[in-house]
């Protein structure tokens, strides 16, 4: 058990067999991150990656996957850091997973680990959460496009919340999966505009698929 190779991705089932050991290893000496990992795991929340931030320009971060059936837990976690300065929040629905991805990072250290931890003991309901968080979780929970990943990224810089919404197109060409990154993208300022509806229409997704397939055909013709 003590021969764990740092940086190696482990299945969450393996982690749960010895939570205390892995929480200490993954937290890299951060008491706040260690406590948060244990709290998340004890609540059956799957973490994916985390870091305390090693250098001046590195971000402290934690990534996790939550089931779409537990929206109040998602509201609670996102709401706990929603107004933190220099904080980046990514929430996404990936084509090959049923769960919602939540990735939170900060360039101001790992103080947000404690905020998330404390929030888990005081969950909030849908009538208390910020409308933008509520709408974002609702859109992603219903997103079911099997060839696209959809992400919402909130950048909170000096109380100005910029929202980037983007989609990746995923295609198996027979020799492995290819992700076409950011094939659709929109940016808005959440201080000026409330998130109310889907960023992209079905027609936009279908049109982008046609564009990518046509470029693939053109490349094949050129190679011949």
C-alpha atoms as a PDB file:
ATOM      1  CA  UNK A   1       0.000   0.000   0.000  1.00  0.00           C
ATOM      2  CA  UNK A   2       2.916   2.355   0.769  1.00  0.00           C
ATOM      3  CA  UNK A   3       4.407   1.818  -2.700  1.00  0.00           C
ATOM      4  CA  UNK A   4       1.894   4.143  -4.377  1.00  0.00           C
ATOM      5  CA  UNK A   5       3.448   5.916  -7.374  1.00  0.00           C
ATOM      6  CA  UNK A   6       2.595   9.603  -6.993  1.00  0.00           C
ATOM      7  CA  UNK A   7       0.634  10.990  -9.930  1.00  0.00           C
ATOM      8  CA  UNK A   8      -0.748   7.608 -10.982  1.00  0.00           C
ATOM      9  CA  UNK A   9      -4.501   7.608 -11.676  1.00  0.00           C
ATOM     10  CA  UNK A  10      -6.364   5.224  -9.396  1.00  0.00           C
ATOM     11  CA  UNK A  11      -9.853   3.801  -9.620  1.00  0.00           C
ATOM     12  CA  UNK A  12     -12.052   5.356  -6.934  1.00  0.00           C
ATOM     13  CA  UNK A  13     -12.944   1.866  -5.664  1.00  0.00           C
ATOM     14  CA  UNK A  14      -9.271   1.288  -4.884  1.00  0.00           C
ATOM     15  CA  UNK A  15      -9.037   4.632  -3.087  1.00  0.00           C
ATOM     16  CA  UNK A  16     -12.067   3.856  -0.926  1.00  0.00           C
ATOM     17  CA  UNK A  17     -10.336   0.756   0.457  1.00  0.00           C
ATOM     18  CA  UNK A  18      -7.858   2.973   2.334  1.00  0.00           C
ATOM     19  CA  UNK A  19      -9.292   6.497   2.415  1.00  0.00           C
ATOM     20  CA  UNK A  20      -7.103   7.882   5.205  1.00  0.00           C
ATOM     21  CA  UNK A  21      -3.892   6.802   3.500  1.00  0.00           C
ATOM     22  CA  UNK A  22      -4.784   8.202   0.086  1.00  0.00           C
ATOM     23  CA  UNK A  23      -6.194  11.436   1.511  1.00  0.00           C
ATOM     24  CA  UNK A  24      -2.851  12.093   3.173  1.00  0.00           C
ATOM     25  CA  UNK A  25      -0.866  11.225   0.037  1.00  0.00           C
ATOM     26  CA  UNK A  26      -3.021  13.223  -2.384  1.00  0.00           C
ATOM     27  CA  UNK A  27      -3.264  16.293  -0.117  1.00  0.00           C
ATOM     28  CA  UNK A  28       0.516  16.894  -0.235  1.00  0.00           C
ATOM     29  CA  UNK A  29       0.639  18.188   3.341  1.00  0.00           C
ATOM     30  CA  UNK A  30      -2.457  20.409   3.119  1.00  0.00           C
ATOM     31  CA  UNK A  31      -4.673  19.776   6.146  1.00  0.00           C
ATOM     32  CA  UNK A  32      -7.593  21.525   4.428  1.00  0.00           C
ATOM     33  CA  UNK A  33      -7.365  19.383   1.287  1.00  0.00           C
ATOM     34  CA  UNK A  34      -6.950  16.181   3.288  1.00  0.00           C
ATOM     35  CA  UNK A  35     -10.094  16.954   5.304  1.00  0.00           C
ATOM     36  CA  UNK A  36     -12.026  17.820   2.143  1.00  0.00           C
ATOM     37  CA  UNK A  37     -11.049  14.609   0.367  1.00  0.00           C
ATOM     38  CA  UNK A  38     -12.216  12.524   3.317  1.00  0.00           C
ATOM     39  CA  UNK A  39     -15.485  14.462   3.525  1.00  0.00           C
ATOM     40  CA  UNK A  40     -16.152  13.988  -0.187  1.00  0.00           C
ATOM     41  CA  UNK A  41     -15.331  10.290  -0.137  1.00  0.00           C
ATOM     42  CA  UNK A  42     -17.447   9.726   2.971  1.00  0.00           C
ATOM     43  CA  UNK A  43     -20.322  11.283   1.030  1.00  0.00           C
ATOM     44  CA  UNK A  44     -19.656   8.909  -1.910  1.00  0.00           C
ATOM     45  CA  UNK A  45     -18.390  11.723  -4.143  1.00  0.00           C
ATOM     46  CA  UNK A  46     -15.849  10.596  -6.726  1.00  0.00           C
ATOM     47  CA  UNK A  47     -12.774  12.826  -6.980  1.00  0.00           C
ATOM     48  CA  UNK A  48     -10.634  12.727 -10.099  1.00  0.00           C
ATOM     49  CA  UNK A  49      -7.602  14.972  -9.528  1.00  0.00           C
ATOM     50  CA  UNK A  50      -6.418  17.535  -6.997  1.00  0.00           C
ATOM     51  CA  UNK A  51      -3.390  19.699  -6.267  1.00  0.00           C
ATOM     52  CA  UNK A  52      -2.286  22.202  -3.628  1.00  0.00           C
ATOM     53  CA  UNK A  53      -0.378  24.335  -6.182  1.00  0.00           C
ATOM     54  CA  UNK A  54       3.395  23.954  -6.115  1.00  0.00           C
ATOM     55  CA  UNK A  55       4.780  27.077  -7.761  1.00  0.00           C
ATOM     56  CA  UNK A  56       3.844  30.761  -7.791  1.00  0.00           C
ATOM     57  CA  UNK A  57       1.838  30.463 -11.014  1.00  0.00           C
ATOM     58  CA  UNK A  58       0.290  27.062 -10.245  1.00  0.00           C
ATOM     59  CA  UNK A  59      -3.343  26.791  -9.237  1.00  0.00           C
ATOM     60  CA  UNK A  60      -4.667  24.777  -6.349  1.00  0.00           C
ATOM     61  CA  UNK A  61      -7.562  22.690  -7.641  1.00  0.00           C
ATOM     62  CA  UNK A  62      -9.900  19.785  -7.107  1.00  0.00           C
ATOM     63  CA  UNK A  63     -11.962  17.881  -9.695  1.00  0.00           C
ATOM     64  CA  UNK A  64     -14.904  15.647  -8.921  1.00  0.00           C
ATOM     65  CA  UNK A  65     -17.862  13.909 -10.531  1.00  0.00           C
ATOM     66  CA  UNK A  66     -21.340  14.099  -9.021  1.00  0.00           C
ATOM     67  CA  UNK A  67     -24.498  12.224 -10.043  1.00  0.00           C
ATOM     68  CA  UNK A  68     -27.150  14.318 -11.754  1.00  0.00           C
ATOM     69  CA  UNK A  69     -29.645  13.056  -9.183  1.00  0.00           C
ATOM     70  CA  UNK A  70     -27.891  15.021  -6.416  1.00  0.00           C
ATOM     71  CA  UNK A  71     -28.365  18.578  -7.611  1.00  0.00           C
ATOM     72  CA  UNK A  72     -28.478  20.102  -4.127  1.00  0.00           C
ATOM     73  CA  UNK A  73     -24.959  18.824  -3.485  1.00  0.00           C
ATOM     74  CA  UNK A  74     -23.786  20.466  -6.712  1.00  0.00           C
ATOM     75  CA  UNK A  75     -25.523  23.718  -5.758  1.00  0.00           C
ATOM     76  CA  UNK A  76     -23.835  23.619  -2.359  1.00  0.00           C
ATOM     77  CA  UNK A  77     -20.298  23.021  -3.623  1.00  0.00           C
ATOM     78  CA  UNK A  78     -20.414  25.592  -6.418  1.00  0.00           C
ATOM     79  CA  UNK A  79     -22.183  28.188  -4.287  1.00  0.00           C
ATOM     80  CA  UNK A  80     -19.491  27.926  -1.597  1.00  0.00           C
ATOM     81  CA  UNK A  81     -16.836  29.367  -3.939  1.00  0.00           C
ATOM     82  CA  UNK A  82     -19.005  31.246  -6.446  1.00  0.00           C
ATOM     83  CA  UNK A  83     -17.967  34.692  -5.173  1.00  0.00           C
ATOM     84  CA  UNK A  84     -14.339  33.885  -4.368  1.00  0.00           C
ATOM     85  CA  UNK A  85     -11.915  36.188  -6.196  1.00  0.00           C
ATOM     86  CA  UNK A  86      -9.401  34.641  -8.619  1.00  0.00           C
ATOM     87  CA  UNK A  87     -11.436  31.435  -8.671  1.00  0.00           C
ATOM     88  CA  UNK A  88     -12.229  29.378 -11.772  1.00  0.00           C
ATOM     89  CA  UNK A  89     -15.204  27.043 -11.753  1.00  0.00           C
ATOM     90  CA  UNK A  90     -15.744  24.552 -14.574  1.00  0.00           C
ATOM     91  CA  UNK A  91     -18.933  22.509 -14.694  1.00  0.00           C
ATOM     92  CA  UNK A  92     -19.411  20.055 -17.543  1.00  0.00           C
ATOM     93  CA  UNK A  93     -21.265  17.100 -19.001  1.00  0.00           C
ATOM     94  CA  UNK A  94     -19.014  14.750 -20.964  1.00  0.00           C
ATOM     95  CA  UNK A  95     -20.340  12.473 -23.679  1.00  0.00           C
ATOM     96  CA  UNK A  96     -19.112   9.258 -22.061  1.00  0.00           C
ATOM     97  CA  UNK A  97     -20.189   9.907 -18.462  1.00  0.00           C
ATOM     98  CA  UNK A  98     -23.547  10.142 -16.714  1.00  0.00           C
ATOM     99  CA  UNK A  99     -22.202  12.357 -13.935  1.00  0.00           C
ATOM    100  CA  UNK A 100     -21.524  16.103 -13.862  1.00  0.00           C
ATOM    101  CA  UNK A 101     -17.899  17.245 -13.717  1.00  0.00           C
ATOM    102  CA  UNK A 102     -17.023  20.021 -11.253  1.00  0.00           C
ATOM    103  CA  UNK A 103     -13.498  21.447 -11.413  1.00  0.00           C
ATOM    104  CA  UNK A 104     -12.611  24.282  -9.007  1.00  0.00           C
ATOM    105  CA  UNK A 105      -9.240  26.030  -9.007  1.00  0.00           C
ATOM    106  CA  UNK A 106      -7.712  29.140  -7.476  1.00  0.00           C
ATOM    107  CA  UNK A 107      -4.475  31.048  -7.981  1.00  0.00           C
ATOM    108  CA  UNK A 108      -4.784  32.480  -4.458  1.00  0.00           C
ATOM    109  CA  UNK A 109      -3.983  29.268  -2.615  1.00  0.00           C
ATOM    110  CA  UNK A 110      -6.096  26.472  -1.203  1.00  0.00           C
ATOM    111  CA  UNK A 111      -8.322  28.370   1.230  1.00  0.00           C
ATOM    112  CA  UNK A 112     -11.322  27.370  -0.867  1.00  0.00           C
ATOM    113  CA  UNK A 113     -10.828  23.729   0.174  1.00  0.00           C
ATOM    114  CA  UNK A 114     -12.053  24.646   3.658  1.00  0.00           C
ATOM    115  CA  UNK A 115     -15.010  26.608   2.278  1.00  0.00           C
ATOM    116  CA  UNK A 116     -16.194  23.600   0.290  1.00  0.00           C
ATOM    117  CA  UNK A 117     -15.695  21.331   3.296  1.00  0.00           C
ATOM    118  CA  UNK A 118     -17.749  23.553   5.603  1.00  0.00           C
ATOM    119  CA  UNK A 119     -20.498  23.931   3.000  1.00  0.00           C
ATOM    120  CA  UNK A 120     -21.067  20.174   2.868  1.00  0.00           C
ATOM    121  CA  UNK A 121     -22.396  20.322   6.433  1.00  0.00           C
ATOM    122  CA  UNK A 122     -24.859  23.052   5.432  1.00  0.00           C
ATOM    123  CA  UNK A 123     -26.393  22.073   2.070  1.00  0.00           C
ATOM    124  CA  UNK A 124     -28.579  24.572   0.244  1.00  0.00           C
ATOM    125  CA  UNK A 125     -31.772  23.931  -1.684  1.00  0.00           C
ATOM    126  CA  UNK A 126     -32.787  25.065  -5.163  1.00  0.00           C
ATOM    127  CA  UNK A 127     -34.786  28.024  -3.796  1.00  0.00           C
ATOM    128  CA  UNK A 128     -31.665  29.477  -2.142  1.00  0.00           C
ATOM    129  CA  UNK A 129     -29.060  28.954  -4.829  1.00  0.00           C
ATOM    130  CA  UNK A 130     -28.003  31.671  -7.273  1.00  0.00           C
ATOM    131  CA  UNK A 131     -30.106  31.531 -10.449  1.00  0.00           C
ATOM    132  CA  UNK A 132     -27.053  31.155 -12.668  1.00  0.00           C
ATOM    133  CA  UNK A 133     -25.893  28.070 -10.754  1.00  0.00           C
ATOM    134  CA  UNK A 134     -29.413  26.632 -10.794  1.00  0.00           C
ATOM    135  CA  UNK A 135     -29.828  27.180 -14.539  1.00  0.00           C
ATOM    136  CA  UNK A 136     -26.359  25.865 -15.387  1.00  0.00           C
ATOM    137  CA  UNK A 137     -26.874  22.613 -13.467  1.00  0.00           C
ATOM    138  CA  UNK A 138     -30.304  22.201 -15.033  1.00  0.00           C
ATOM    139  CA  UNK A 139     -28.968  22.599 -18.580  1.00  0.00           C
ATOM    140  CA  UNK A 140     -26.068  20.192 -18.063  1.00  0.00           C
ATOM    141  CA  UNK A 141     -28.212  17.584 -16.310  1.00  0.00           C
ATOM    142  CA  UNK A 142     -30.476  17.424 -19.351  1.00  0.00           C
ATOM    143  CA  UNK A 143     -27.661  17.536 -21.921  1.00  0.00           C
ATOM    144  CA  UNK A 144     -27.580  14.178 -23.685  1.00  0.00           C
ATOM    145  CA  UNK A 145     -25.668  14.628 -26.930  1.00  0.00           C
ATOM    146  CA  UNK A 146     -23.579  11.487 -27.303  1.00  0.00           C
ATOM    147  CA  UNK A 147     -20.883  13.050 -29.491  1.00  0.00           C
ATOM    148  CA  UNK A 148     -20.319  16.320 -27.597  1.00  0.00           C
ATOM    149  CA  UNK A 149     -18.869  17.455 -24.285  1.00  0.00           C
ATOM    150  CA  UNK A 150     -20.436  20.656 -22.937  1.00  0.00           C
ATOM    151  CA  UNK A 151     -18.681  22.900 -20.390  1.00  0.00           C
ATOM    152  CA  UNK A 152     -19.470  26.093 -18.491  1.00  0.00           C
ATOM    153  CA  UNK A 153     -16.441  27.974 -17.137  1.00  0.00           C
ATOM    154  CA  UNK A 154     -16.864  30.853 -14.693  1.00  0.00           C
ATOM    155  CA  UNK A 155     -13.891  33.169 -14.092  1.00  0.00           C
ATOM    156  CA  UNK A 156     -14.368  35.432 -11.069  1.00  0.00           C
ATOM    157  CA  UNK A 157     -11.821  38.245 -11.311  1.00  0.00           C
ATOM    158  CA  UNK A 158     -12.271  41.241  -8.998  1.00  0.00           C
ATOM    159  CA  UNK A 159     -16.017  40.576  -8.713  1.00  0.00           C
ATOM    160  CA  UNK A 160     -16.461  40.406 -12.492  1.00  0.00           C
ATOM    161  CA  UNK A 161     -17.802  37.000 -13.525  1.00  0.00           C
ATOM    162  CA  UNK A 162     -16.988  36.023 -17.088  1.00  0.00           C
ATOM    163  CA  UNK A 163     -18.687  32.915 -18.413  1.00  0.00           C
ATOM    164  CA  UNK A 164     -17.241  30.841 -21.247  1.00  0.00           C
ATOM    165  CA  UNK A 165     -19.451  28.099 -22.670  1.00  0.00           C
ATOM    166  CA  UNK A 166     -17.878  25.644 -25.091  1.00  0.00           C
ATOM    167  CA  UNK A 167     -18.436  22.252 -26.655  1.00  0.00           C
ATOM    168  CA  UNK A 168     -15.965  19.615 -27.802  1.00  0.00           C
ATOM    169  CA  UNK A 169     -16.916  17.232 -30.600  1.00  0.00           C
ATOM    170  CA  UNK A 170     -15.863  13.637 -30.028  1.00  0.00           C
ATOM    171  CA  UNK A 171     -15.510  11.243 -32.946  1.00  0.00           C
ATOM    172  CA  UNK A 172     -14.153   7.725 -33.280  1.00  0.00           C
ATOM    173  CA  UNK A 173     -12.476   7.452 -36.674  1.00  0.00           C
ATOM    174  CA  UNK A 174     -11.804   3.758 -36.234  1.00  0.00           C
ATOM    175  CA  UNK A 175      -8.278   4.266 -34.928  1.00  0.00           C
ATOM    176  CA  UNK A 176      -9.205   5.845 -31.614  1.00  0.00           C
ATOM    177  CA  UNK A 177     -11.234   8.730 -30.235  1.00  0.00           C
ATOM    178  CA  UNK A 178     -10.520  12.229 -31.539  1.00  0.00           C
ATOM    179  CA  UNK A 179     -11.701  15.295 -29.625  1.00  0.00           C
ATOM    180  CA  UNK A 180     -12.185  18.428 -31.689  1.00  0.00           C
ATOM    181  CA  UNK A 181     -11.744  21.095 -29.029  1.00  0.00           C
ATOM    182  CA  UNK A 182     -13.892  24.201 -28.606  1.00  0.00           C
ATOM    183  CA  UNK A 183     -15.798  23.695 -31.859  1.00  0.00           C
ATOM    184  CA  UNK A 184     -18.562  25.870 -30.396  1.00  0.00           C
ATOM    185  CA  UNK A 185     -17.882  28.715 -27.987  1.00  0.00           C
ATOM    186  CA  UNK A 186     -19.625  31.717 -26.470  1.00  0.00           C
ATOM    187  CA  UNK A 187     -18.590  34.246 -23.827  1.00  0.00           C
ATOM    188  CA  UNK A 188     -20.741  36.474 -21.666  1.00  0.00           C
ATOM    189  CA  UNK A 189     -20.483  38.604 -18.525  1.00  0.00           C
ATOM    190  CA  UNK A 190     -22.659  37.220 -15.744  1.00  0.00           C
ATOM    191  CA  UNK A 191     -22.669  40.620 -14.029  1.00  0.00           C
ATOM    192  CA  UNK A 192     -24.621  41.987 -16.987  1.00  0.00           C
ATOM    193  CA  UNK A 193     -26.641  39.001 -18.168  1.00  0.00           C
ATOM    194  CA  UNK A 194     -28.311  36.101 -16.371  1.00  0.00           C
ATOM    195  CA  UNK A 195     -27.928  32.612 -17.787  1.00  0.00           C
ATOM    196  CA  UNK A 196     -31.383  31.525 -18.911  1.00  0.00           C
ATOM    197  CA  UNK A 197     -31.198  28.985 -21.723  1.00  0.00           C
ATOM    198  CA  UNK A 198     -29.022  26.597 -23.686  1.00  0.00           C
ATOM    199  CA  UNK A 199     -26.031  28.277 -25.279  1.00  0.00           C
ATOM    200  CA  UNK A 200     -26.204  26.240 -28.477  1.00  0.00           C
ATOM    201  CA  UNK A 201     -29.126  24.967 -30.503  1.00  0.00           C
ATOM    202  CA  UNK A 202     -29.502  21.491 -31.972  1.00  0.00           C
ATOM    203  CA  UNK A 203     -28.972  23.020 -35.421  1.00  0.00           C
ATOM    204  CA  UNK A 204     -25.615  24.444 -34.317  1.00  0.00           C
ATOM    205  CA  UNK A 205     -24.455  21.027 -33.113  1.00  0.00           C
ATOM    206  CA  UNK A 206     -25.597  19.313 -36.308  1.00  0.00           C
ATOM    207  CA  UNK A 207     -24.027  21.982 -38.501  1.00  0.00           C
ATOM    208  CA  UNK A 208     -20.712  21.634 -36.692  1.00  0.00           C
ATOM    209  CA  UNK A 209     -20.748  17.864 -37.243  1.00  0.00           C
ATOM    210  CA  UNK A 210     -21.317  18.423 -40.963  1.00  0.00           C
ATOM    211  CA  UNK A 211     -18.453  20.950 -41.112  1.00  0.00           C
ATOM    212  CA  UNK A 212     -16.004  18.596 -39.389  1.00  0.00           C
ATOM    213  CA  UNK A 213     -17.006  15.625 -41.526  1.00  0.00           C
ATOM    214  CA  UNK A 214     -16.640  17.706 -44.697  1.00  0.00           C
ATOM    215  CA  UNK A 215     -13.152  18.858 -43.672  1.00  0.00           C
ATOM    216  CA  UNK A 216     -12.258  15.214 -43.064  1.00  0.00           C
ATOM    217  CA  UNK A 217     -13.436  14.269 -46.547  1.00  0.00           C
ATOM    218  CA  UNK A 218     -11.452  17.112 -48.084  1.00  0.00           C
ATOM    219  CA  UNK A 219      -8.285  16.016 -46.300  1.00  0.00           C
ATOM    220  CA  UNK A 220      -8.785  12.458 -47.552  1.00  0.00           C
ATOM    221  CA  UNK A 221      -9.175  13.692 -51.127  1.00  0.00           C
ATOM    222  CA  UNK A 222      -6.072  15.894 -50.810  1.00  0.00           C
ATOM    223  CA  UNK A 223      -3.947  12.987 -49.528  1.00  0.00           C
ATOM    224  CA  UNK A 224      -4.945  10.877 -52.512  1.00  0.00           C
END
